[in-house]
Amino acid sequence: MLFQGKDGELRIAELGSGGTTHYLSVLFCEMDFTGPTSRPRIEDTLIMDRGIFDTNAHYISGDDSPRYAPMPFSFSARLADTVNSRALMDWLSGATNIPNAVGGTTQVYSFDGTTTIDGNTLPAFKDDKTTYRVQVLWDGDSDIGLQYNDVFFPPGQQTITESADALTIASNGMIFGDVTRITAFDTSGATISFV
């Protein structure tokens, strides 16, 4: 069986005020997803004696910057006529207080300053970036998926496209945290409700 984008789910999660993770599920329908499968490694540089390889030749580790640099992430998906589609559009636009269908708002909170790379906790942003955890899972005989930590969706880079048979959202983000492989969704959180 081949993996197909039509059979899957994407979850965007926030870190609730009480420390409980809440997530919004987005079911795939003609989804176009692009994201890295891991963080880049630090390059090693070979050090030789005046360009001559001898028994004193050795490697030194390069700059950490590529390992910790933000990485691009994007997806597009057809939207269903549901409360969750409206909430997804608000969430990705940078809103942290999302209107509920019956009045009032639901506040979403950032994972900023809580994730690690190589055991090093990333510092909180100096500006007011709100970051989320994104998990994507493709269904198959052997489910495969990825988890992205500290994903920032820059306001103004999310677009919506109308066609004759669909409304499609295209989302661009930057991954500041680690990338890990998953075979199932994290079950410690709860679905967030916007009704």
N, C-alpha and C. Protein backbone atom coordinates (compact mmCIF):
# COMPACT_ATOMS: atom_id res chain seq x y z
N MET A 1 0.84 -1.18 0.00
CA MET A 1 0.00 0.00 0.00
C MET A 1 0.88 1.24 0.00
N LEU A 2 0.56 2.21 -0.82
CA LEU A 2 1.30 3.46 -0.85
C LEU A 2 0.66 4.45 0.12
N PHE A 3 1.50 5.25 0.80
CA PHE A 3 0.95 6.30 1.66
C PHE A 3 0.33 7.37 0.78
N GLN A 4 -0.81 7.86 1.16
CA GLN A 4 -1.49 8.89 0.40
C GLN A 4 -1.91 10.01 1.33
N GLY A 5 -1.74 11.26 0.87
CA GLY A 5 -2.08 12.41 1.68
C GLY A 5 -3.54 12.48 2.05
N LYS A 6 -4.40 11.79 1.30
CA LYS A 6 -5.83 11.86 1.62
C LYS A 6 -6.18 11.08 2.88
N ASP A 7 -5.28 10.21 3.34
CA ASP A 7 -5.53 9.39 4.52
C ASP A 7 -4.60 9.81 5.65
N GLY A 8 -4.99 10.82 6.38
CA GLY A 8 -4.13 11.25 7.48
C GLY A 8 -4.76 12.34 8.30
N GLU A 9 -3.99 12.79 9.27
CA GLU A 9 -4.48 13.82 10.19
C GLU A 9 -3.30 14.68 10.63
N LEU A 10 -3.55 15.95 10.79
CA LEU A 10 -2.57 16.89 11.31
C LEU A 10 -3.16 17.48 12.59
N ARG A 11 -2.33 17.62 13.63
CA ARG A 11 -2.79 18.22 14.88
C ARG A 11 -1.91 19.42 15.21
N ILE A 12 -2.54 20.50 15.58
CA ILE A 12 -1.84 21.67 16.08
C ILE A 12 -2.19 21.77 17.56
N ALA A 13 -1.17 21.82 18.41
CA ALA A 13 -1.39 21.80 19.85
C ALA A 13 -0.83 23.05 20.51
N GLU A 14 -1.51 23.47 21.56
CA GLU A 14 -1.04 24.58 22.39
C GLU A 14 -0.83 24.06 23.81
N LEU A 15 -0.02 24.79 24.57
CA LEU A 15 0.25 24.41 25.95
C LEU A 15 -0.69 25.20 26.84
N GLY A 16 -1.74 24.55 27.32
CA GLY A 16 -2.75 25.23 28.12
C GLY A 16 -2.19 25.89 29.36
N SER A 17 -2.96 26.84 29.91
CA SER A 17 -2.50 27.60 31.06
C SER A 17 -2.19 26.72 32.27
N GLY A 18 -2.86 25.58 32.39
CA GLY A 18 -2.60 24.66 33.50
C GLY A 18 -1.56 23.61 33.17
N GLY A 19 -0.91 23.72 32.01
CA GLY A 19 0.09 22.75 31.60
C GLY A 19 -0.47 21.58 30.80
N THR A 20 -1.81 21.56 30.58
CA THR A 20 -2.42 20.50 29.79
C THR A 20 -2.38 20.88 28.32
N THR A 21 -1.89 19.99 27.48
CA THR A 21 -1.83 20.23 26.05
C THR A 21 -3.22 20.06 25.44
N HIS A 22 -3.63 21.05 24.65
CA HIS A 22 -4.89 20.98 23.91
C HIS A 22 -4.56 21.04 22.43
N TYR A 23 -5.30 20.28 21.61
CA TYR A 23 -4.99 20.23 20.20
C TYR A 23 -6.24 20.39 19.34
N LEU A 24 -6.00 20.84 18.12
CA LEU A 24 -7.02 20.96 17.09
C LEU A 24 -6.66 19.99 15.98
N SER A 25 -7.59 19.11 15.61
CA SER A 25 -7.33 18.12 14.56
C SER A 25 -7.76 18.65 13.21
N VAL A 26 -6.92 18.38 12.20
CA VAL A 26 -7.23 18.73 10.82
C VAL A 26 -7.11 17.45 10.01
N LEU A 27 -8.23 16.94 9.49
CA LEU A 27 -8.20 15.73 8.69
C LEU A 27 -7.76 16.07 7.27
N PHE A 28 -6.95 15.19 6.69
CA PHE A 28 -6.45 15.43 5.34
C PHE A 28 -7.55 15.28 4.30
N CYS A 29 -7.55 16.17 3.35
CA CYS A 29 -8.31 16.03 2.11
C CYS A 29 -7.52 16.77 1.05
N GLU A 30 -6.82 16.05 0.22
CA GLU A 30 -5.94 16.64 -0.79
C GLU A 30 -4.92 17.58 -0.15
N MET A 31 -4.29 17.10 0.91
CA MET A 31 -3.32 17.91 1.63
C MET A 31 -1.98 17.90 0.91
N ASP A 32 -1.32 19.03 0.93
CA ASP A 32 0.01 19.17 0.35
C ASP A 32 0.93 19.59 1.49
N PHE A 33 1.78 18.67 1.95
CA PHE A 33 2.57 18.88 3.15
C PHE A 33 4.06 18.87 2.80
N THR A 34 4.82 19.82 3.35
CA THR A 34 6.26 19.84 3.17
C THR A 34 6.91 20.19 4.50
N GLY A 35 7.78 19.31 4.97
CA GLY A 35 8.49 19.56 6.22
C GLY A 35 9.71 18.68 6.32
N PRO A 36 10.70 19.09 7.10
CA PRO A 36 11.92 18.30 7.24
C PRO A 36 11.67 17.03 8.05
N THR A 37 12.50 16.02 7.84
CA THR A 37 12.39 14.78 8.60
C THR A 37 13.33 14.75 9.80
N SER A 38 14.24 15.72 9.89
CA SER A 38 15.14 15.82 11.05
C SER A 38 15.83 17.17 11.01
N ARG A 39 16.51 17.49 12.08
CA ARG A 39 17.33 18.71 12.13
C ARG A 39 18.68 18.44 11.48
N PRO A 40 19.29 19.47 10.89
CA PRO A 40 20.62 19.25 10.30
C PRO A 40 21.67 18.96 11.37
N ARG A 41 22.70 18.28 10.97
CA ARG A 41 23.82 17.97 11.86
C ARG A 41 24.87 19.06 11.78
N ILE A 42 25.69 19.13 12.81
CA ILE A 42 26.81 20.07 12.81
C ILE A 42 27.92 19.50 11.96
N GLU A 43 28.48 20.32 11.09
CA GLU A 43 29.54 19.85 10.20
C GLU A 43 30.85 19.70 10.95
N ASP A 44 31.61 18.67 10.57
CA ASP A 44 32.96 18.48 11.09
C ASP A 44 33.95 18.98 10.05
N THR A 45 35.00 19.62 10.53
CA THR A 45 36.05 20.13 9.64
C THR A 45 37.34 19.36 9.92
N LEU A 46 37.96 18.85 8.86
CA LEU A 46 39.21 18.12 9.00
C LEU A 46 40.36 19.11 9.14
N ILE A 47 41.13 18.97 10.21
CA ILE A 47 42.29 19.83 10.46
C ILE A 47 43.55 19.01 10.18
N MET A 48 44.39 19.57 9.27
CA MET A 48 45.63 18.89 8.90
C MET A 48 46.81 19.83 9.13
N ASP A 49 48.00 19.26 9.19
CA ASP A 49 49.22 20.04 9.37
C ASP A 49 49.64 20.64 8.04
N ARG A 50 49.37 21.94 7.85
CA ARG A 50 49.70 22.67 6.62
C ARG A 50 49.17 21.97 5.37
N GLY A 51 47.96 21.40 5.49
CA GLY A 51 47.31 20.76 4.35
C GLY A 51 47.78 19.35 4.09
N ILE A 52 48.60 18.80 4.97
CA ILE A 52 49.11 17.44 4.79
C ILE A 52 48.45 16.52 5.80
N PHE A 53 47.89 15.41 5.31
CA PHE A 53 47.24 14.45 6.19
C PHE A 53 48.30 13.56 6.82
N ASP A 54 48.37 13.58 8.14
CA ASP A 54 49.30 12.72 8.86
C ASP A 54 48.60 12.19 10.12
N THR A 55 49.35 11.61 11.03
CA THR A 55 48.74 11.01 12.23
C THR A 55 48.17 12.07 13.17
N ASN A 56 48.50 13.33 12.98
CA ASN A 56 47.96 14.40 13.83
C ASN A 56 46.65 14.97 13.27
N ALA A 57 46.23 14.52 12.10
CA ALA A 57 44.99 15.03 11.51
C ALA A 57 43.81 14.67 12.42
N HIS A 58 42.86 15.60 12.53
CA HIS A 58 41.70 15.37 13.39
C HIS A 58 40.55 16.26 12.94
N TYR A 59 39.37 15.94 13.44
CA TYR A 59 38.18 16.72 13.12
C TYR A 59 37.83 17.63 14.29
N ILE A 60 37.30 18.80 13.96
CA ILE A 60 36.72 19.66 14.97
C ILE A 60 35.28 19.96 14.57
N SER A 61 34.43 20.13 15.56
CA SER A 61 33.03 20.44 15.29
C SER A 61 32.88 21.88 14.85
N GLY A 62 31.98 22.09 13.92
CA GLY A 62 31.73 23.43 13.42
C GLY A 62 30.77 24.20 14.29
N ASP A 63 30.29 25.28 13.75
CA ASP A 63 29.35 26.18 14.41
C ASP A 63 28.03 25.48 14.70
N ASP A 64 27.42 25.75 15.85
CA ASP A 64 26.12 25.17 16.21
C ASP A 64 24.95 25.81 15.47
N SER A 65 25.16 26.93 14.82
CA SER A 65 24.05 27.68 14.21
C SER A 65 23.16 26.85 13.30
N PRO A 66 23.69 26.02 12.38
CA PRO A 66 22.79 25.25 11.52
C PRO A 66 21.90 24.27 12.29
N ARG A 67 22.38 23.77 13.40
CA ARG A 67 21.62 22.81 14.20
C ARG A 67 20.42 23.48 14.86
N TYR A 68 20.56 24.75 15.21
CA TYR A 68 19.51 25.46 15.94
C TYR A 68 18.74 26.47 15.09
N ALA A 69 19.07 26.60 13.84
CA ALA A 69 18.40 27.57 12.97
C ALA A 69 16.96 27.12 12.70
N PRO A 70 16.03 28.08 12.56
CA PRO A 70 14.64 27.70 12.22
C PRO A 70 14.57 27.07 10.84
N MET A 71 13.64 26.12 10.67
CA MET A 71 13.48 25.41 9.40
C MET A 71 12.07 25.65 8.87
N PRO A 72 11.93 25.77 7.54
CA PRO A 72 10.61 26.04 6.96
C PRO A 72 9.70 24.81 7.00
N PHE A 73 8.41 25.09 7.04
CA PHE A 73 7.38 24.07 7.16
C PHE A 73 6.14 24.62 6.46
N SER A 74 5.45 23.81 5.68
CA SER A 74 4.24 24.31 5.02
C SER A 74 3.26 23.17 4.76
N PHE A 75 2.00 23.53 4.69
CA PHE A 75 0.98 22.59 4.27
C PHE A 75 -0.19 23.37 3.70
N SER A 76 -0.94 22.70 2.86
CA SER A 76 -2.21 23.26 2.39
C SER A 76 -3.24 22.16 2.45
N ALA A 77 -4.47 22.53 2.70
CA ALA A 77 -5.52 21.54 2.83
C ALA A 77 -6.86 22.16 2.48
N ARG A 78 -7.74 21.34 1.92
CA ARG A 78 -9.10 21.79 1.66
C ARG A 78 -9.85 21.89 2.98
N LEU A 79 -10.69 22.90 3.10
CA LEU A 79 -11.40 23.15 4.34
C LEU A 79 -12.84 22.65 4.26
N ALA A 80 -13.31 22.06 5.34
CA ALA A 80 -14.71 21.67 5.45
C ALA A 80 -15.47 22.82 6.11
N ASP A 81 -16.78 22.85 5.92
CA ASP A 81 -17.61 23.90 6.51
C ASP A 81 -17.90 23.54 7.96
N THR A 82 -16.89 23.75 8.82
CA THR A 82 -17.03 23.39 10.24
C THR A 82 -16.47 24.50 11.11
N VAL A 83 -16.82 24.46 12.38
CA VAL A 83 -16.29 25.41 13.35
C VAL A 83 -14.78 25.27 13.43
N ASN A 84 -14.26 24.04 13.35
CA ASN A 84 -12.81 23.83 13.44
C ASN A 84 -12.06 24.49 12.29
N SER A 85 -12.63 24.53 11.10
CA SER A 85 -11.96 25.20 9.97
C SER A 85 -11.83 26.69 10.24
N ARG A 86 -12.89 27.30 10.77
CA ARG A 86 -12.82 28.72 11.10
C ARG A 86 -11.79 28.95 12.20
N ALA A 87 -11.80 28.09 13.23
CA ALA A 87 -10.84 28.22 14.32
C ALA A 87 -9.41 28.04 13.82
N LEU A 88 -9.21 27.09 12.90
CA LEU A 88 -7.88 26.87 12.32
C LEU A 88 -7.39 28.13 11.62
N MET A 89 -8.24 28.77 10.84
CA MET A 89 -7.85 30.00 10.15
C MET A 89 -7.46 31.09 11.15
N ASP A 90 -8.24 31.24 12.23
CA ASP A 90 -7.91 32.24 13.25
C ASP A 90 -6.59 31.89 13.94
N TRP A 91 -6.44 30.60 14.29
CA TRP A 91 -5.25 30.13 15.00
C TRP A 91 -3.99 30.42 14.19
N LEU A 92 -4.01 30.07 12.90
CA LEU A 92 -2.83 30.24 12.05
C LEU A 92 -2.54 31.71 11.72
N SER A 93 -3.54 32.56 11.87
CA SER A 93 -3.35 33.98 11.55
C SER A 93 -2.61 34.72 12.67
N GLY A 94 -2.38 34.05 13.79
CA GLY A 94 -1.65 34.67 14.89
C GLY A 94 -2.53 35.06 16.06
N ALA A 95 -3.84 34.85 15.95
CA ALA A 95 -4.73 35.18 17.06
C ALA A 95 -4.50 34.22 18.22
N THR A 96 -4.52 34.74 19.44
CA THR A 96 -4.40 33.87 20.61
C THR A 96 -5.71 33.78 21.38
N ASN A 97 -6.66 34.65 21.07
CA ASN A 97 -8.02 34.56 21.60
C ASN A 97 -8.93 34.27 20.42
N ILE A 98 -9.40 33.05 20.33
CA ILE A 98 -10.16 32.59 19.17
C ILE A 98 -11.65 32.58 19.50
N PRO A 99 -12.47 33.26 18.67
CA PRO A 99 -13.91 33.30 18.95
C PRO A 99 -14.54 31.91 18.90
N ASN A 100 -15.45 31.66 19.84
CA ASN A 100 -16.20 30.41 19.86
C ASN A 100 -17.48 30.59 19.05
N ALA A 101 -18.04 29.50 18.59
CA ALA A 101 -19.24 29.54 17.75
C ALA A 101 -20.44 30.11 18.50
N VAL A 102 -20.51 29.91 19.81
CA VAL A 102 -21.68 30.35 20.59
C VAL A 102 -21.39 31.59 21.42
N GLY A 103 -20.29 32.29 21.12
CA GLY A 103 -19.93 33.48 21.86
C GLY A 103 -18.75 33.22 22.78
N GLY A 104 -18.10 34.29 23.19
CA GLY A 104 -16.91 34.16 24.03
C GLY A 104 -15.70 33.77 23.21
N THR A 105 -14.59 33.57 23.88
CA THR A 105 -13.36 33.20 23.20
C THR A 105 -12.65 32.08 23.95
N THR A 106 -11.79 31.39 23.24
CA THR A 106 -10.89 30.39 23.83
C THR A 106 -9.48 30.88 23.62
N GLN A 107 -8.70 30.97 24.69
CA GLN A 107 -7.32 31.44 24.58
C GLN A 107 -6.39 30.25 24.33
N VAL A 108 -5.45 30.43 23.40
CA VAL A 108 -4.44 29.41 23.15
C VAL A 108 -3.10 29.94 23.65
N TYR A 109 -2.27 29.04 24.16
CA TYR A 109 -1.01 29.42 24.79
C TYR A 109 0.17 28.82 24.03
N SER A 110 1.31 29.47 24.17
CA SER A 110 2.51 29.12 23.43
C SER A 110 3.33 28.04 24.14
N PHE A 111 4.05 27.26 23.34
CA PHE A 111 5.07 26.33 23.85
C PHE A 111 6.41 27.02 24.00
N ASP A 112 6.48 28.28 23.66
CA ASP A 112 7.72 29.06 23.67
C ASP A 112 8.49 28.87 24.98
N GLY A 113 9.77 28.52 24.87
CA GLY A 113 10.62 28.37 26.04
C GLY A 113 10.50 27.04 26.77
N THR A 114 9.81 26.06 26.16
CA THR A 114 9.61 24.78 26.84
C THR A 114 10.21 23.59 26.10
N THR A 115 10.74 23.79 24.91
CA THR A 115 11.23 22.65 24.13
C THR A 115 12.75 22.61 24.11
N THR A 116 13.27 21.44 23.74
CA THR A 116 14.71 21.23 23.77
C THR A 116 15.22 20.69 22.43
N ILE A 117 16.47 20.93 22.18
CA ILE A 117 17.23 20.30 21.09
C ILE A 117 18.51 19.78 21.71
N ASP A 118 18.79 18.50 21.54
CA ASP A 118 19.99 17.88 22.11
C ASP A 118 20.09 18.10 23.63
N GLY A 119 18.96 18.13 24.32
CA GLY A 119 18.96 18.33 25.76
C GLY A 119 19.10 19.77 26.20
N ASN A 120 19.24 20.70 25.26
CA ASN A 120 19.36 22.12 25.59
C ASN A 120 18.00 22.79 25.45
N THR A 121 17.49 23.38 26.53
CA THR A 121 16.21 24.07 26.48
C THR A 121 16.36 25.38 25.72
N LEU A 122 15.50 25.55 24.74
CA LEU A 122 15.56 26.77 23.94
C LEU A 122 15.05 27.95 24.77
N PRO A 123 15.69 29.11 24.67
CA PRO A 123 15.23 30.26 25.44
C PRO A 123 13.92 30.80 24.89
N ALA A 124 13.21 31.55 25.72
CA ALA A 124 11.99 32.21 25.26
C ALA A 124 12.35 33.32 24.28
N PHE A 125 11.45 33.60 23.35
CA PHE A 125 11.68 34.65 22.38
C PHE A 125 11.63 36.02 23.04
N LYS A 126 12.41 36.95 22.53
CA LYS A 126 12.39 38.32 23.04
C LYS A 126 11.14 39.05 22.55
N ASP A 127 10.72 38.76 21.32
CA ASP A 127 9.47 39.35 20.83
C ASP A 127 8.33 38.39 21.17
N ASP A 128 7.14 38.73 20.81
CA ASP A 128 5.97 37.98 21.26
C ASP A 128 5.56 36.93 20.22
N LYS A 129 6.42 35.93 20.00
CA LYS A 129 6.07 34.84 19.09
C LYS A 129 5.28 33.78 19.85
N THR A 130 4.19 33.32 19.26
CA THR A 130 3.43 32.23 19.84
C THR A 130 3.73 30.99 19.02
N THR A 131 4.26 29.96 19.66
CA THR A 131 4.65 28.75 18.95
C THR A 131 3.80 27.57 19.41
N TYR A 132 3.66 26.61 18.51
CA TYR A 132 2.80 25.46 18.77
C TYR A 132 3.53 24.17 18.44
N ARG A 133 2.97 23.07 18.87
CA ARG A 133 3.45 21.74 18.48
C ARG A 133 2.57 21.26 17.34
N VAL A 134 3.20 20.73 16.29
CA VAL A 134 2.45 20.21 15.15
C VAL A 134 2.83 18.75 14.98
N GLN A 135 1.80 17.90 14.89
CA GLN A 135 2.02 16.48 14.62
C GLN A 135 1.27 16.14 13.33
N VAL A 136 1.92 15.37 12.47
CA VAL A 136 1.27 14.91 11.25
C VAL A 136 1.45 13.39 11.18
N LEU A 137 0.37 12.70 10.83
CA LEU A 137 0.40 11.23 10.83
C LEU A 137 -0.27 10.73 9.56
N TRP A 138 0.43 9.84 8.84
CA TRP A 138 -0.13 9.22 7.64
C TRP A 138 -0.55 7.81 7.98
N ASP A 139 -1.79 7.50 7.64
CA ASP A 139 -2.34 6.18 7.92
C ASP A 139 -1.88 5.18 6.87
N GLY A 140 -1.58 3.99 7.31
CA GLY A 140 -1.19 2.91 6.41
C GLY A 140 -1.10 1.63 7.20
N ASP A 141 -0.56 0.58 6.60
CA ASP A 141 -0.34 -0.65 7.35
C ASP A 141 0.62 -0.41 8.51
N SER A 142 1.60 0.45 8.28
CA SER A 142 2.53 0.90 9.33
C SER A 142 2.45 2.42 9.36
N ASP A 143 1.75 2.96 10.33
CA ASP A 143 1.58 4.42 10.40
C ASP A 143 2.93 5.10 10.59
N ILE A 144 3.14 6.21 9.88
CA ILE A 144 4.34 7.01 10.08
C ILE A 144 3.92 8.45 10.27
N GLY A 145 4.73 9.18 11.01
CA GLY A 145 4.41 10.58 11.23
C GLY A 145 5.59 11.33 11.79
N LEU A 146 5.39 12.64 11.96
CA LEU A 146 6.43 13.53 12.47
C LEU A 146 5.83 14.48 13.49
N GLN A 147 6.66 14.85 14.46
CA GLN A 147 6.27 15.88 15.43
C GLN A 147 7.25 17.03 15.32
N TYR A 148 6.71 18.24 15.21
CA TYR A 148 7.50 19.46 15.13
C TYR A 148 7.20 20.30 16.37
N ASN A 149 8.24 20.67 17.09
CA ASN A 149 8.08 21.48 18.30
C ASN A 149 8.42 22.93 18.02
N ASP A 150 7.75 23.82 18.73
CA ASP A 150 7.97 25.27 18.60
C ASP A 150 7.82 25.74 17.16
N VAL A 151 6.65 25.51 16.58
CA VAL A 151 6.37 25.98 15.22
C VAL A 151 5.69 27.35 15.31
N PHE A 152 6.26 28.31 14.62
CA PHE A 152 5.71 29.67 14.57
C PHE A 152 5.10 29.90 13.19
N PHE A 153 3.85 30.35 13.17
CA PHE A 153 3.17 30.67 11.93
C PHE A 153 3.17 32.19 11.77
N PRO A 154 4.06 32.75 10.93
CA PRO A 154 4.14 34.21 10.80
C PRO A 154 2.83 34.79 10.26
N PRO A 155 2.23 35.73 10.98
CA PRO A 155 1.02 36.36 10.45
C PRO A 155 1.31 36.98 9.09
N GLY A 156 0.37 36.89 8.19
CA GLY A 156 0.56 37.43 6.85
C GLY A 156 1.10 36.43 5.85
N GLN A 157 1.56 35.27 6.32
CA GLN A 157 2.07 34.26 5.40
C GLN A 157 1.09 33.10 5.24
N GLN A 158 -0.10 33.23 5.78
CA GLN A 158 -1.12 32.20 5.63
C GLN A 158 -2.13 32.71 4.60
N THR A 159 -2.45 31.89 3.62
CA THR A 159 -3.34 32.34 2.55
C THR A 159 -4.50 31.37 2.38
N ILE A 160 -5.54 31.88 1.76
CA ILE A 160 -6.71 31.07 1.46
C ILE A 160 -7.02 31.25 -0.02
N THR A 161 -7.37 30.15 -0.69
CA THR A 161 -7.62 30.16 -2.13
C THR A 161 -8.96 29.54 -2.41
N GLU A 162 -9.75 30.22 -3.22
CA GLU A 162 -11.06 29.71 -3.61
C GLU A 162 -10.96 29.13 -5.01
N SER A 163 -11.58 27.98 -5.21
CA SER A 163 -11.68 27.39 -6.54
C SER A 163 -13.13 26.98 -6.75
N ALA A 164 -13.41 26.40 -7.90
CA ALA A 164 -14.79 26.04 -8.21
C ALA A 164 -15.35 24.99 -7.27
N ASP A 165 -14.47 24.12 -6.73
CA ASP A 165 -14.98 23.03 -5.90
C ASP A 165 -14.39 22.96 -4.49
N ALA A 166 -13.62 23.97 -4.07
CA ALA A 166 -13.00 23.87 -2.75
C ALA A 166 -12.52 25.23 -2.27
N LEU A 167 -12.34 25.30 -0.95
CA LEU A 167 -11.68 26.41 -0.29
C LEU A 167 -10.44 25.81 0.35
N THR A 168 -9.27 26.33 -0.01
CA THR A 168 -8.01 25.73 0.41
C THR A 168 -7.20 26.73 1.23
N ILE A 169 -6.70 26.28 2.37
CA ILE A 169 -5.80 27.12 3.17
C ILE A 169 -4.37 26.65 2.94
N ALA A 170 -3.48 27.60 2.76
CA ALA A 170 -2.05 27.31 2.61
C ALA A 170 -1.33 27.98 3.78
N SER A 171 -0.58 27.20 4.52
CA SER A 171 0.05 27.69 5.73
C SER A 171 1.56 27.51 5.66
N ASN A 172 2.28 28.53 6.11
CA ASN A 172 3.73 28.50 6.18
C ASN A 172 4.17 28.76 7.60
N GLY A 173 5.12 27.98 8.08
CA GLY A 173 5.62 28.16 9.43
C GLY A 173 7.12 27.97 9.49
N MET A 174 7.67 28.27 10.66
CA MET A 174 9.08 28.07 10.93
C MET A 174 9.20 27.18 12.17
N ILE A 175 10.00 26.12 12.06
CA ILE A 175 10.20 25.18 13.15
C ILE A 175 11.44 25.61 13.93
N PHE A 176 11.24 26.00 15.18
CA PHE A 176 12.35 26.40 16.03
C PHE A 176 12.81 25.25 16.94
N GLY A 177 11.92 24.29 17.22
CA GLY A 177 12.25 23.18 18.11
C GLY A 177 12.72 21.95 17.36
N ASP A 178 12.68 20.82 18.04
CA ASP A 178 13.20 19.58 17.48
C ASP A 178 12.16 18.90 16.58
N VAL A 179 12.64 17.97 15.79
CA VAL A 179 11.81 17.16 14.89
C VAL A 179 11.98 15.71 15.33
N THR A 180 10.86 15.02 15.61
CA THR A 180 10.93 13.62 16.01
C THR A 180 9.93 12.80 15.21
N ARG A 181 10.22 11.53 15.09
CA ARG A 181 9.32 10.62 14.38
C ARG A 181 8.29 10.07 15.35
N ILE A 182 7.07 9.87 14.87
CA ILE A 182 6.01 9.29 15.69
C ILE A 182 5.29 8.22 14.87
N THR A 183 4.65 7.30 15.56
CA THR A 183 3.80 6.30 14.91
C THR A 183 2.37 6.42 15.40
N ALA A 184 2.14 7.30 16.38
CA ALA A 184 0.79 7.55 16.91
C ALA A 184 0.78 8.94 17.52
N PHE A 185 -0.40 9.50 17.65
CA PHE A 185 -0.53 10.82 18.26
C PHE A 185 -0.32 10.74 19.77
N ASP A 186 0.17 11.82 20.34
CA ASP A 186 0.31 11.96 21.78
C ASP A 186 -1.09 11.92 22.40
N THR A 187 -1.31 11.02 23.34
CA THR A 187 -2.64 10.87 23.94
C THR A 187 -2.76 11.59 25.27
N SER A 188 -1.74 12.35 25.67
CA SER A 188 -1.79 13.02 26.97
C SER A 188 -2.62 14.30 26.93
N GLY A 189 -2.90 14.82 25.75
CA GLY A 189 -3.65 16.06 25.64
C GLY A 189 -5.14 15.85 25.48
N ALA A 190 -5.85 16.94 25.24
CA ALA A 190 -7.29 16.90 25.05
C ALA A 190 -7.66 17.76 23.85
N THR A 191 -8.74 17.41 23.20
CA THR A 191 -9.23 18.20 22.06
C THR A 191 -9.70 19.55 22.57
N ILE A 192 -9.32 20.60 21.87
CA ILE A 192 -9.77 21.94 22.23
C ILE A 192 -11.10 22.21 21.52
N SER A 193 -12.01 22.85 22.21
CA SER A 193 -13.34 23.07 21.65
C SER A 193 -13.58 24.56 21.40
N PHE A 194 -14.15 24.86 20.24
CA PHE A 194 -14.48 26.23 19.89
C PHE A 194 -15.99 26.41 19.71
N VAL A 195 -16.78 25.53 20.32
CA VAL A 195 -18.24 25.64 20.23
C VAL A 195 -18.79 26.19 21.53
